[in-house]
Amino acid sequence: MLRSHLEDYIYELYKSIGVMNPTDLDIKFIASKLGVNITYKQKAFRFDDEIILVKGTESEEWMEFGHEICHFLRHYGNQLDMHPLFIDLQEYQANYFAYHFCVPTFMLDRLFNYTLSDIMNLFNVGYEFASKRLDMYKNKIYSRVLLNGHARIGVIKHW
């Protein structure tokens, strides 16, 4: 299946640090490979090469890490100095990134006959997170099928 730029980015990132299976998705391992220090405070954020997470369940920490690692990898500047709309954009991007980082498309592509519960357990994410990620994944598959179908219809010659 064709991947988006973000899906390619995450695939290449994970490949470069040896993360190729859901069992490899570990905060401490990934953080160390990316040169990130993890600490815990009352509010999650990123500062230089440090990601601060709120102590929670493994699943909550993993989903928050997916959000914060986007800021570390793809965003520059201090949000305290940014226009509110630009902050909103960065937060939207980090949320979207987290879905693909925590439940990577290239790993979903290898699964067959899975349930929402399987995704929650395999990728260590919560119900709503897994549900939204599966919707995103299925919509991508359906739109690809529709686009391919329309492409074939477009080449039919008229009588």
Protein backbone atom coordinates (compact mmCIF):
# COMPACT_ATOMS: atom_id res chain seq x y z
CA MET A 1 0.00 0.00 0.00
CA LEU A 2 1.21 3.52 -0.70
CA ARG A 3 2.22 5.45 2.38
CA SER A 4 1.87 9.15 3.14
CA HIS A 5 4.90 11.33 3.83
CA LEU A 6 4.28 10.99 7.57
CA GLU A 7 3.95 7.21 7.33
CA ASP A 8 7.20 7.06 5.35
CA TYR A 9 8.90 9.31 7.90
CA ILE A 10 7.83 7.09 10.80
CA TYR A 11 8.77 3.91 8.94
CA GLU A 12 12.26 5.26 8.18
CA LEU A 13 12.67 6.56 11.73
CA TYR A 14 11.73 3.23 13.26
CA LYS A 15 13.83 1.28 10.76
CA SER A 16 16.86 3.45 11.56
CA ILE A 17 16.66 2.54 15.27
CA GLY A 18 15.71 -1.11 14.80
CA VAL A 19 12.02 -0.88 15.69
CA MET A 20 10.11 -3.12 13.30
CA ASN A 21 7.52 -4.95 15.44
CA PRO A 22 4.96 -3.92 18.06
CA THR A 23 7.07 -5.64 20.73
CA ASP A 24 9.86 -3.13 19.94
CA LEU A 25 7.65 -0.14 20.82
CA ASP A 26 9.22 0.81 24.15
CA ILE A 27 9.54 4.39 25.43
CA LYS A 28 12.91 3.94 27.13
CA PHE A 29 14.46 2.12 24.18
CA ILE A 30 13.16 4.60 21.58
CA ALA A 31 14.07 7.62 23.71
CA SER A 32 17.63 6.37 24.22
CA LYS A 33 18.06 5.67 20.49
CA LEU A 34 16.81 9.19 19.67
CA GLY A 35 18.92 10.89 22.36
CA VAL A 36 15.95 11.98 24.46
CA ASN A 37 15.80 12.06 28.25
CA ILE A 38 12.48 11.17 29.87
CA THR A 39 11.42 12.69 33.19
CA TYR A 40 8.10 12.93 34.99
CA LYS A 41 6.31 16.06 36.23
CA GLN A 42 2.76 17.38 36.67
CA LYS A 43 2.43 18.52 33.03
CA ALA A 44 3.73 16.92 29.82
CA PHE A 45 5.93 18.96 27.49
CA ARG A 46 9.23 18.97 25.64
CA PHE A 47 12.26 21.11 26.45
CA ASP A 48 15.42 20.76 24.34
CA ASP A 49 16.39 17.06 24.48
CA GLU A 50 14.09 16.29 27.39
CA ILE A 51 10.52 15.03 27.27
CA ILE A 52 8.52 15.47 30.42
CA LEU A 53 5.63 13.04 30.84
CA VAL A 54 2.88 12.87 33.43
CA LYS A 55 3.17 9.63 35.41
CA GLY A 56 0.30 7.35 34.42
CA THR A 57 -0.39 3.90 33.08
CA GLU A 58 2.03 2.50 30.50
CA SER A 59 -0.63 3.08 27.89
CA GLU A 60 -1.19 6.73 28.88
CA GLU A 61 2.54 7.40 28.94
CA TRP A 62 3.03 5.74 25.53
CA MET A 63 0.28 7.83 23.90
CA GLU A 64 1.63 11.05 25.49
CA PHE A 65 5.16 10.13 24.41
CA GLY A 66 3.92 9.79 20.83
CA HIS A 67 2.59 13.36 21.02
CA GLU A 68 5.65 14.88 22.68
CA ILE A 69 8.18 13.10 20.46
CA CYS A 70 6.59 14.87 17.49
CA HIS A 71 7.48 18.23 19.05
CA PHE A 72 11.03 16.97 19.62
CA LEU A 73 11.49 15.61 16.09
CA ARG A 74 9.52 18.04 13.94
CA HIS A 75 8.86 21.33 15.72
CA TYR A 76 11.14 24.23 16.50
CA GLY A 77 10.80 27.27 18.72
CA ASN A 78 9.15 28.06 22.00
CA GLN A 79 5.36 27.94 22.03
CA LEU A 80 5.35 30.75 24.60
CA ASP A 81 6.56 33.05 21.80
CA MET A 82 4.15 31.78 19.11
CA HIS A 83 0.82 32.99 17.81
CA PRO A 84 -2.06 30.94 19.28
CA LEU A 85 -3.08 29.66 15.84
CA PHE A 86 0.44 28.36 15.22
CA ILE A 87 0.36 26.63 18.59
CA ASP A 88 -2.97 25.05 17.61
CA LEU A 89 -1.39 23.84 14.35
CA GLN A 90 1.55 22.27 16.18
CA GLU A 91 -0.75 20.57 18.67
CA TYR A 92 -2.93 19.21 15.86
CA GLN A 93 0.18 17.92 14.08
CA ALA A 94 1.50 16.31 17.27
CA ASN A 95 -1.83 14.59 17.94
CA TYR A 96 -2.00 13.27 14.37
CA PHE A 97 1.65 12.18 14.56
CA ALA A 98 0.97 10.28 17.79
CA TYR A 99 -1.63 8.06 16.12
CA HIS A 100 0.87 7.03 13.46
CA PHE A 101 3.83 6.81 15.83
CA CYS A 102 2.08 4.70 18.47
CA VAL A 103 0.28 2.45 15.96
CA PRO A 104 2.45 2.57 12.82
CA THR A 105 0.85 1.90 9.46
CA PHE A 106 3.62 -0.45 8.36
CA MET A 107 2.87 -2.63 11.38
CA LEU A 108 -0.89 -2.51 10.80
CA ASP A 109 -0.30 -3.56 7.19
CA ARG A 110 1.14 -6.86 8.44
CA LEU A 111 -1.84 -7.74 10.62
CA PHE A 112 -4.67 -9.94 9.48
CA ASN A 113 -8.09 -10.40 11.04
CA TYR A 114 -7.61 -8.21 14.11
CA THR A 115 -10.05 -6.66 16.57
CA LEU A 116 -10.02 -3.34 18.36
CA SER A 117 -9.00 -5.20 21.49
CA ASP A 118 -6.06 -6.75 19.60
CA ILE A 119 -4.85 -3.28 18.59
CA MET A 120 -5.20 -1.99 22.15
CA ASN A 121 -3.16 -4.88 23.53
CA LEU A 122 -0.60 -5.17 20.75
CA PHE A 123 0.23 -1.46 20.64
CA ASN A 124 -0.52 -0.62 24.29
CA VAL A 125 -3.03 2.15 23.54
CA GLY A 126 -6.42 3.04 24.99
CA TYR A 127 -9.82 2.23 23.52
CA GLU A 128 -10.58 5.64 22.00
CA PHE A 129 -7.05 5.98 20.63
CA ALA A 130 -7.17 2.51 19.03
CA SER A 131 -10.65 3.13 17.66
CA LYS A 132 -9.69 6.45 16.04
CA ARG A 133 -6.45 4.98 14.64
CA LEU A 134 -8.31 2.05 13.10
CA ASP A 135 -10.84 4.45 11.57
CA MET A 136 -7.97 6.43 10.05
CA TYR A 137 -6.39 3.26 8.71
CA LYS A 138 -9.63 1.86 7.27
CA ASN A 139 -10.52 5.21 5.68
CA LYS A 140 -7.15 5.22 3.95
CA ILE A 141 -7.76 1.71 2.59
CA TYR A 142 -11.31 2.54 1.48
CA SER A 143 -10.28 5.76 -0.24
CA ARG A 144 -7.50 3.90 -2.07
CA VAL A 145 -10.04 1.33 -3.31
CA LEU A 146 -12.42 4.09 -4.41
CA LEU A 147 -9.66 6.00 -6.19
CA ASN A 148 -8.50 2.87 -7.98
CA GLY A 149 -12.07 2.06 -8.96
CA HIS A 150 -12.62 5.54 -10.36
CA ALA A 151 -9.35 5.36 -12.25
CA ARG A 152 -10.53 2.20 -14.02
CA ILE A 153 -13.91 3.72 -14.81
CA GLY A 154 -12.18 6.74 -16.34
CA VAL A 155 -10.52 4.65 -19.07
CA ILE A 156 -13.70 2.98 -20.33
CA LYS A 157 -14.39 4.09 -23.89
CA HIS A 158 -17.83 5.32 -24.79
CA TRP A 159 -19.73 3.60 -27.64
